[in-house]
N, C-alpha and C. Protein backbone atom coordinates (compact mmCIF):
# COMPACT_ATOMS: atom_id res chain seq x y z
N MET A 1 43.58 96.12 80.29
CA MET A 1 44.04 95.90 81.46
C MET A 1 45.56 95.91 82.29
N LYS A 2 46.02 94.49 81.72
CA LYS A 2 47.28 94.31 82.06
C LYS A 2 48.41 95.62 81.17
N ARG A 3 47.70 96.11 80.30
CA ARG A 3 48.78 96.50 79.42
C ARG A 3 49.06 98.29 80.56
N PHE A 4 47.45 98.59 80.89
CA PHE A 4 47.24 99.92 81.71
C PHE A 4 48.30 99.68 82.85
N PHE A 5 48.29 99.01 83.33
CA PHE A 5 49.24 98.78 84.68
C PHE A 5 50.80 98.46 84.37
N LEU A 6 50.78 97.93 83.46
CA LEU A 6 52.19 97.82 83.20
C LEU A 6 52.74 99.21 82.57
N ALA A 7 51.83 100.00 81.72
CA ALA A 7 52.12 101.58 80.89
C ALA A 7 52.23 102.54 82.59
N ALA A 8 51.30 102.15 83.31
CA ALA A 8 51.19 102.93 84.54
C ALA A 8 52.59 102.98 85.63
N GLY A 9 52.95 101.46 85.62
CA GLY A 9 54.51 100.91 85.95
C GLY A 9 55.41 101.90 85.56
N MET A 10 55.74 101.77 84.08
CA MET A 10 56.85 102.08 83.80
C MET A 10 56.87 103.57 83.72
N LEU A 11 55.72 104.35 83.77
CA LEU A 11 55.73 105.76 83.76
C LEU A 11 56.30 106.18 85.18
N THR A 12 56.00 105.33 86.28
CA THR A 12 56.28 105.56 88.05
C THR A 12 57.62 105.57 88.10
N VAL A 13 58.34 104.69 87.11
CA VAL A 13 59.28 104.08 87.05
C VAL A 13 60.40 105.46 87.01
N LEU A 14 59.94 105.81 85.16
CA LEU A 14 60.49 107.03 84.89
C LEU A 14 60.79 108.18 85.23
N ALA A 15 59.72 108.35 86.18
CA ALA A 15 59.31 109.61 86.97
C ALA A 15 60.34 109.78 88.35
N CYS A 16 60.83 108.40 89.10
CA CYS A 16 60.97 108.43 89.85
C CYS A 16 62.55 108.64 89.60
N ILE A 17 63.04 107.96 88.16
CA ILE A 17 64.61 108.42 87.85
C ILE A 17 64.97 109.64 87.43
N ASN A 18 63.72 110.35 87.22
CA ASN A 18 64.07 111.70 87.12
C ASN A 18 64.06 112.55 88.37
N ILE A 19 63.04 112.43 89.14
CA ILE A 19 63.34 113.18 90.66
C ILE A 19 64.59 112.76 91.06
N TYR A 20 64.88 111.71 90.70
CA TYR A 20 65.99 111.25 91.88
C TYR A 20 67.58 111.66 91.17
N ALA A 21 67.34 112.29 89.98
CA ALA A 21 68.69 112.75 88.75
C ALA A 21 68.51 114.14 88.95
N GLN A 22 67.18 114.85 89.50
CA GLN A 22 67.28 116.07 89.93
C GLN A 22 67.82 116.43 91.37
N ILE A 23 67.21 115.53 92.15
CA ILE A 23 68.05 115.57 93.60
C ILE A 23 69.54 115.53 92.99
N SER A 24 69.69 114.80 92.91
CA SER A 24 71.58 114.35 92.80
C SER A 24 72.40 115.44 92.10
N GLU A 25 71.99 116.22 91.83
CA GLU A 25 72.55 117.28 90.74
C GLU A 25 73.22 118.36 91.29
N LEU A 26 74.67 118.31 91.20
CA LEU A 26 75.23 118.90 92.33
C LEU A 26 76.00 120.05 91.23
N ALA A 27 76.19 121.50 91.27
CA ALA A 27 76.72 122.17 90.43
C ALA A 27 77.93 122.37 91.05
N ILE A 28 78.85 122.11 90.37
CA ILE A 28 80.30 122.36 91.08
C ILE A 28 81.42 124.01 90.23
N ALA A 29 80.87 124.26 89.05
CA ALA A 29 81.42 125.44 88.84
C ALA A 29 80.40 126.02 87.41
N ARG A 30 81.17 127.31 87.59
CA ARG A 30 80.44 128.14 86.31
C ARG A 30 81.68 128.86 85.85
N GLY A 31 81.05 129.08 84.95
CA GLY A 31 82.09 130.24 83.40
C GLY A 31 81.16 130.90 82.32
N SER A 32 82.24 131.62 81.82
CA SER A 32 81.67 132.61 80.51
C SER A 32 82.60 132.17 79.26
N VAL A 33 81.77 131.19 78.30
CA VAL A 33 82.86 131.12 77.26
C VAL A 33 82.34 131.82 75.93
N PRO A 34 83.27 132.42 75.49
CA PRO A 34 82.91 133.83 74.46
C PRO A 34 82.59 133.21 72.99
N PHE A 35 82.75 131.80 72.71
CA PHE A 35 82.28 131.53 71.67
C PHE A 35 81.59 129.83 71.92
N GLU A 36 80.89 129.91 70.26
CA GLU A 36 80.15 128.52 70.65
C GLU A 36 81.00 127.43 70.47
N PHE A 37 80.19 126.22 70.79
CA PHE A 37 81.18 125.09 70.90
C PHE A 37 80.40 123.97 70.87
N GLN A 38 80.86 123.04 70.77
CA GLN A 38 80.55 121.42 70.18
C GLN A 38 80.87 120.67 71.60
N ILE A 39 79.81 119.69 71.82
CA ILE A 39 79.71 118.93 72.87
C ILE A 39 79.17 117.69 72.43
N SER A 40 79.21 116.54 72.88
CA SER A 40 78.10 115.49 72.55
C SER A 40 77.46 115.48 71.19
N ASN A 41 78.27 116.15 70.28
CA ASN A 41 77.33 115.86 69.18
C ASN A 41 75.91 117.28 68.93
N VAL A 42 76.24 118.49 70.19
CA VAL A 42 75.69 119.34 70.52
C VAL A 42 76.30 120.89 70.50
N THR A 43 75.90 121.61 69.34
CA THR A 43 76.32 122.97 69.64
C THR A 43 76.04 124.00 70.36
N LEU A 44 76.63 124.10 71.64
CA LEU A 44 75.88 125.21 72.62
C LEU A 44 76.38 126.65 72.06
N PRO A 45 75.57 127.64 72.66
CA PRO A 45 76.01 129.27 72.15
C PRO A 45 77.28 129.56 72.97
N ALA A 46 77.95 131.12 72.72
CA ALA A 46 78.38 131.51 74.09
C ALA A 46 77.88 131.90 74.73
N GLY A 47 78.42 131.79 76.04
CA GLY A 47 78.09 132.79 77.04
C GLY A 47 77.91 132.09 78.20
N ASP A 48 77.39 132.29 79.30
CA ASP A 48 77.69 131.34 80.66
C ASP A 48 77.23 129.97 80.73
N VAL A 49 77.74 129.16 81.19
CA VAL A 49 77.66 127.76 81.18
C VAL A 49 77.58 127.46 82.54
N GLN A 50 77.09 126.53 82.97
CA GLN A 50 77.31 126.12 84.80
C GLN A 50 77.70 124.54 84.15
N ILE A 51 78.51 124.19 84.88
CA ILE A 51 78.69 122.37 85.17
C ILE A 51 78.56 121.62 86.57
N SER A 52 77.72 120.72 86.14
CA SER A 52 76.87 119.89 87.12
C SER A 52 77.49 118.22 87.35
N GLU A 53 77.49 117.90 88.58
CA GLU A 53 77.92 116.39 88.74
C GLU A 53 76.46 115.78 88.75
N MET A 54 76.54 114.72 87.87
CA MET A 54 75.12 113.83 88.31
C MET A 54 75.71 112.60 88.54
N GLY A 55 76.56 112.32 88.57
CA GLY A 55 77.15 111.11 88.81
C GLY A 55 78.63 110.54 88.73
N ASN A 56 78.92 109.35 88.71
CA ASN A 56 80.22 108.82 88.86
C ASN A 56 80.71 109.31 87.16
N HIS A 57 81.78 110.66 86.90
CA HIS A 57 82.19 111.10 85.85
C HIS A 57 81.10 111.47 84.93
N LEU A 58 79.51 111.69 84.99
CA LEU A 58 78.57 111.85 84.10
C LEU A 58 78.43 113.44 84.85
N LEU A 59 78.43 114.14 83.62
CA LEU A 59 78.26 115.65 84.26
C LEU A 59 77.53 116.43 83.07
N LYS A 60 76.78 117.33 83.53
CA LYS A 60 75.82 117.85 82.78
C LYS A 60 76.25 119.84 82.15
N ILE A 61 76.45 119.59 81.38
CA ILE A 61 76.83 121.19 80.90
C ILE A 61 75.52 122.19 80.62
N TYR A 62 75.25 122.93 81.23
CA TYR A 62 74.36 123.34 81.00
C TYR A 62 74.41 125.38 80.68
N SER A 63 74.19 125.31 79.23
CA SER A 63 74.26 127.17 78.56
C SER A 63 73.26 127.99 79.33
N PHE A 64 72.98 128.86 79.73
CA PHE A 64 72.11 130.07 80.07
C PHE A 64 71.84 130.31 78.87
N SER A 65 72.79 130.63 77.80
CA SER A 65 72.18 131.57 76.67
C SER A 65 71.70 130.71 76.07
N GLY A 66 71.70 129.37 75.51
CA GLY A 66 71.05 128.74 74.80
C GLY A 66 69.94 127.70 75.69
N ARG A 67 69.86 127.69 76.91
CA ARG A 67 68.51 127.06 77.77
C ARG A 67 68.31 125.60 77.36
N ARG A 68 69.60 125.06 77.40
CA ARG A 68 69.59 123.42 77.43
C ARG A 68 70.74 123.27 77.79
N GLY A 69 70.71 121.79 78.62
CA GLY A 69 71.75 121.40 78.81
C GLY A 69 72.34 120.04 78.34
N VAL A 70 73.59 119.62 78.35
CA VAL A 70 74.12 118.12 77.51
C VAL A 70 74.52 117.44 78.94
N LEU A 71 74.15 116.17 78.54
CA LEU A 71 74.98 115.12 79.39
C LEU A 71 76.17 114.36 78.91
N VAL A 72 77.19 114.24 79.50
CA VAL A 72 78.21 113.61 78.84
C VAL A 72 79.10 113.07 79.84
N LEU A 73 79.33 111.50 79.38
CA LEU A 73 80.22 110.62 80.46
C LEU A 73 81.70 110.79 80.24
N THR A 74 82.43 111.57 81.09
CA THR A 74 83.72 111.75 80.92
C THR A 74 84.87 110.61 81.43
N SER A 75 86.50 110.53 81.33
CA SER A 75 86.73 109.91 82.10
C SER A 75 87.81 110.61 82.01
N PRO A 76 88.66 110.26 83.41
CA PRO A 76 89.71 110.56 84.16
C PRO A 76 90.65 111.29 83.33
N ALA A 77 91.86 112.13 83.67
CA ALA A 77 92.23 112.82 82.65
C ALA A 77 93.61 113.15 83.46
N THR A 78 94.66 113.71 83.19
CA THR A 78 96.01 114.26 84.40
C THR A 78 96.67 114.85 83.04
N HIS A 79 96.74 116.15 83.66
CA HIS A 79 97.25 117.75 82.80
C HIS A 79 98.72 117.16 82.69
N HIS A 80 99.35 117.29 81.78
CA HIS A 80 100.90 116.79 81.59
C HIS A 80 101.58 117.90 81.79
N GLY A 81 100.99 119.40 81.59
CA GLY A 81 101.72 120.53 81.56
C GLY A 81 102.03 120.91 83.14
N GLN A 82 102.05 122.21 83.27
CA GLN A 82 102.03 123.12 84.56
C GLN A 82 100.88 122.81 85.26
N VAL A 83 100.68 122.39 86.58
CA VAL A 83 99.22 122.50 87.31
C VAL A 83 98.67 123.72 87.35
N PRO A 84 97.41 123.67 86.44
CA PRO A 84 96.49 124.69 86.59
C PRO A 84 96.44 125.66 87.77
N GLY A 85 96.55 126.96 88.09
CA GLY A 85 95.82 127.77 89.05
C GLY A 85 94.69 128.08 89.30
N THR A 86 93.74 127.82 88.18
CA THR A 86 92.14 128.09 88.24
C THR A 86 91.71 127.02 87.59
N ALA A 87 90.55 126.44 88.12
CA ALA A 87 89.24 125.22 87.51
C ALA A 87 89.16 125.65 85.90
N SER A 88 89.04 125.09 84.70
CA SER A 88 89.18 125.41 83.69
C SER A 88 88.27 124.66 82.63
N LEU A 89 87.69 125.02 81.55
CA LEU A 89 87.44 124.14 80.33
C LEU A 89 88.56 124.39 79.28
N GLN A 90 88.73 123.37 78.82
CA GLN A 90 90.04 123.43 77.44
C GLN A 90 89.18 122.53 76.64
N PHE A 91 89.42 124.13 75.09
CA PHE A 91 88.82 123.26 73.86
C PHE A 91 89.96 122.82 72.80
N SER A 92 89.53 122.23 72.19
CA SER A 92 90.52 121.91 70.83
C SER A 92 89.59 122.36 70.06
N VAL A 93 90.34 123.91 69.02
CA VAL A 93 90.09 124.41 67.52
C VAL A 93 90.43 124.19 66.55
N TYR A 94 89.42 123.44 65.89
CA TYR A 94 90.22 123.22 64.22
C TYR A 94 89.33 124.46 63.30
N GLY A 95 90.15 124.85 62.49
CA GLY A 95 89.87 126.54 61.86
C GLY A 95 89.08 127.28 62.86
N SER A 96 87.77 127.26 63.01
CA SER A 96 86.51 128.17 63.69
C SER A 96 85.82 127.25 64.66
N GLU A 97 85.83 125.79 64.32
CA GLU A 97 85.00 125.26 65.27
C GLU A 97 86.12 124.86 66.79
N HIS A 98 85.20 124.98 67.93
CA HIS A 98 85.86 124.81 68.61
C HIS A 98 84.76 123.60 69.80
N PHE A 99 85.66 122.15 70.11
CA PHE A 99 85.24 121.45 71.01
C PHE A 99 85.93 121.35 72.06
N LEU A 100 85.06 120.94 73.08
CA LEU A 100 85.26 121.01 74.44
C LEU A 100 85.87 119.52 74.58
N THR A 101 87.82 120.03 75.38
CA THR A 101 87.97 118.26 75.41
C THR A 101 88.53 117.98 77.04
N ASN A 102 88.37 119.01 77.82
CA ASN A 102 88.67 118.82 79.02
C ASN A 102 88.61 119.91 80.16
N ILE A 103 88.21 118.94 81.27
CA ILE A 103 87.46 119.88 82.31
C ILE A 103 88.73 120.10 83.81
N TRP A 104 89.46 120.75 83.95
CA TRP A 104 90.56 120.79 84.69
C TRP A 104 90.00 121.04 86.18
N SER A 105 90.36 120.60 87.19
CA SER A 105 90.55 120.86 88.62
C SER A 105 91.52 122.44 88.78
N ALA A 106 91.29 123.29 89.49
CA ALA A 106 92.19 123.93 90.24
C ALA A 106 93.32 123.20 91.07
N ASP A 107 94.50 123.66 91.21
CA ASP A 107 95.38 123.19 91.92
C ASP A 107 96.03 122.28 91.71
N THR A 108 95.37 121.30 90.65
CA THR A 108 95.95 119.59 90.92
C THR A 108 96.15 119.64 89.50
N ARG A 109 96.51 118.37 89.07
CA ARG A 109 96.65 117.92 87.60
C ARG A 109 95.51 117.12 87.09
N ASP A 110 94.30 116.53 88.58
CA ASP A 110 93.40 115.83 87.89
C ASP A 110 92.59 116.80 87.17
N GLY A 111 91.81 115.82 86.20
CA GLY A 111 90.71 116.66 85.08
C GLY A 111 89.67 115.20 84.78
N LEU A 112 88.79 115.30 83.87
CA LEU A 112 87.99 114.85 83.55
C LEU A 112 88.08 115.50 81.55
N ALA A 113 88.44 114.32 81.27
CA ALA A 113 88.30 114.40 79.40
C ALA A 113 86.99 114.07 78.79
N VAL A 114 86.37 114.47 77.76
CA VAL A 114 85.39 114.60 77.24
C VAL A 114 85.70 114.06 75.71
N PRO A 115 84.49 113.08 75.73
CA PRO A 115 84.98 112.00 74.43
C PRO A 115 85.18 112.68 73.11
N LYS A 116 85.99 113.01 72.14
CA LYS A 116 85.64 113.19 70.51
C LYS A 116 84.26 113.01 70.17
N THR A 117 83.88 114.09 69.33
CA THR A 117 82.70 114.28 68.59
C THR A 117 83.05 113.02 67.22
N MET A 118 82.18 112.73 66.58
CA MET A 118 82.45 112.42 65.04
C MET A 118 82.87 112.89 64.21
N ARG A 119 82.56 114.57 64.35
CA ARG A 119 82.77 115.72 63.68
C ARG A 119 84.44 116.13 64.26
N GLU A 120 84.50 116.18 65.08
CA GLU A 120 85.93 116.24 66.18
C GLU A 120 87.17 115.34 65.07
N ARG A 121 86.85 114.37 65.11
CA ARG A 121 87.74 113.25 64.80
C ARG A 121 87.81 113.43 63.18
N GLU A 122 86.81 113.96 62.69
CA GLU A 122 86.72 113.77 60.58
C GLU A 122 87.61 115.08 60.64
N LEU A 123 87.34 116.24 61.99
CA LEU A 123 88.11 117.22 61.22
C LEU A 123 89.74 117.06 61.50
N ALA A 124 90.03 116.45 62.64
CA ALA A 124 91.54 115.89 63.01
C ALA A 124 92.56 115.34 62.25
N ARG A 125 91.25 114.32 61.32
CA ARG A 125 92.03 113.26 60.25
C ARG A 125 92.26 114.80 58.74
N ARG A 126 91.77 115.68 58.47
CA ARG A 126 91.55 116.48 57.32
C ARG A 126 92.80 117.94 57.93
N THR A 127 92.46 118.23 59.13
CA THR A 127 92.69 119.71 59.32
C THR A 127 93.81 119.00 60.55
N PRO A 128 94.96 120.15 60.63
CA PRO A 128 96.23 120.31 61.58
C PRO A 128 94.99 121.17 63.11
N LEU A 129 95.40 121.08 64.16
CA LEU A 129 95.17 121.22 65.27
C LEU A 129 95.56 122.96 65.22
N THR A 130 94.26 123.49 65.54
CA THR A 130 94.82 125.56 65.17
C THR A 130 95.43 125.44 66.35
N ARG A 131 94.72 125.47 67.33
CA ARG A 131 95.28 125.94 68.82
C ARG A 131 94.42 125.10 69.72
N THR A 132 94.73 125.46 71.19
CA THR A 132 93.58 124.92 72.41
C THR A 132 93.20 126.30 73.20
N ASP A 133 92.42 126.23 73.06
CA ASP A 133 91.74 127.53 74.14
C ASP A 133 91.56 127.11 75.50
N GLU A 134 91.33 128.05 76.80
CA GLU A 134 91.07 127.69 77.92
C GLU A 134 90.16 128.65 78.42
N VAL A 135 89.10 128.58 79.29
CA VAL A 135 88.35 129.44 79.94
C VAL A 135 88.21 129.00 80.72
N ALA A 136 88.59 130.06 82.32
CA ALA A 136 88.42 129.95 83.74
C ALA A 136 87.10 129.72 84.06
N LEU A 137 87.14 128.52 84.70
CA LEU A 137 85.37 128.33 85.79
C LEU A 137 85.54 129.07 87.15
N THR A 138 84.73 129.28 87.54
CA THR A 138 84.86 129.73 89.31
C THR A 138 83.87 128.81 89.92
N VAL A 139 84.47 127.87 90.51
CA VAL A 139 84.25 126.77 91.79
C VAL A 139 83.21 126.81 92.13
N ILE A 140 81.71 126.24 92.28
CA ILE A 140 81.06 126.44 93.47
C ILE A 140 80.42 125.28 93.97
N LYS A 141 79.54 125.18 95.05
CA LYS A 141 78.81 124.22 95.44
C LYS A 141 77.91 124.40 95.89
N GLY A 142 76.60 123.30 95.46
CA GLY A 142 75.26 124.15 95.95
C GLY A 142 74.53 123.15 95.03
N SER A 143 73.08 123.20 95.29
CA SER A 143 72.18 122.77 94.12
C SER A 143 72.64 123.34 93.15
N ALA A 144 72.10 122.72 91.36
CA ALA A 144 72.52 123.18 90.36
C ALA A 144 71.24 124.06 89.97
N SER A 145 69.88 124.09 91.25
CA SER A 145 68.96 124.90 90.20
C SER A 145 69.37 126.39 90.81
N ASP A 146 70.18 126.49 91.57
CA ASP A 146 70.73 128.08 92.46
C ASP A 146 71.01 128.82 90.58
N GLY A 147 70.12 129.81 90.86
CA GLY A 147 70.66 131.09 89.59
C GLY A 147 69.86 130.57 88.09
N ARG A 148 69.18 129.74 88.45
CA ARG A 148 68.60 129.33 87.25
C ARG A 148 66.96 129.99 87.02
């Protein structure tokens, strides 16, 4: 009986956390990525993506094509080049593999850095960076469930 109440209590707490996470999710940008890419050891297919803010530097990248989302804990980043005119996703490319590395805000040097995956670090040691690609984002504000 004691185990039953403990299990029921834990399920209630988990349900409340899940409900809170869904309520506090705020869609901030959308874009169309023309290639498959890797983030947090997950490969997402080419297609439309939505970036949602889940909390302090915690983002959810949702792939409409793959019908799945990836949570990623980012860190602040500063754009050292020319201030971008539009919000964008920046990818490091090694050979034919794309890795999401930064998310840039429009009209400011502020952005968010995505941690490198083990695969990206391995490729970076063996292969020179081929190039960086950028994909423009459309900035939105609203419920992350919009359009899903």
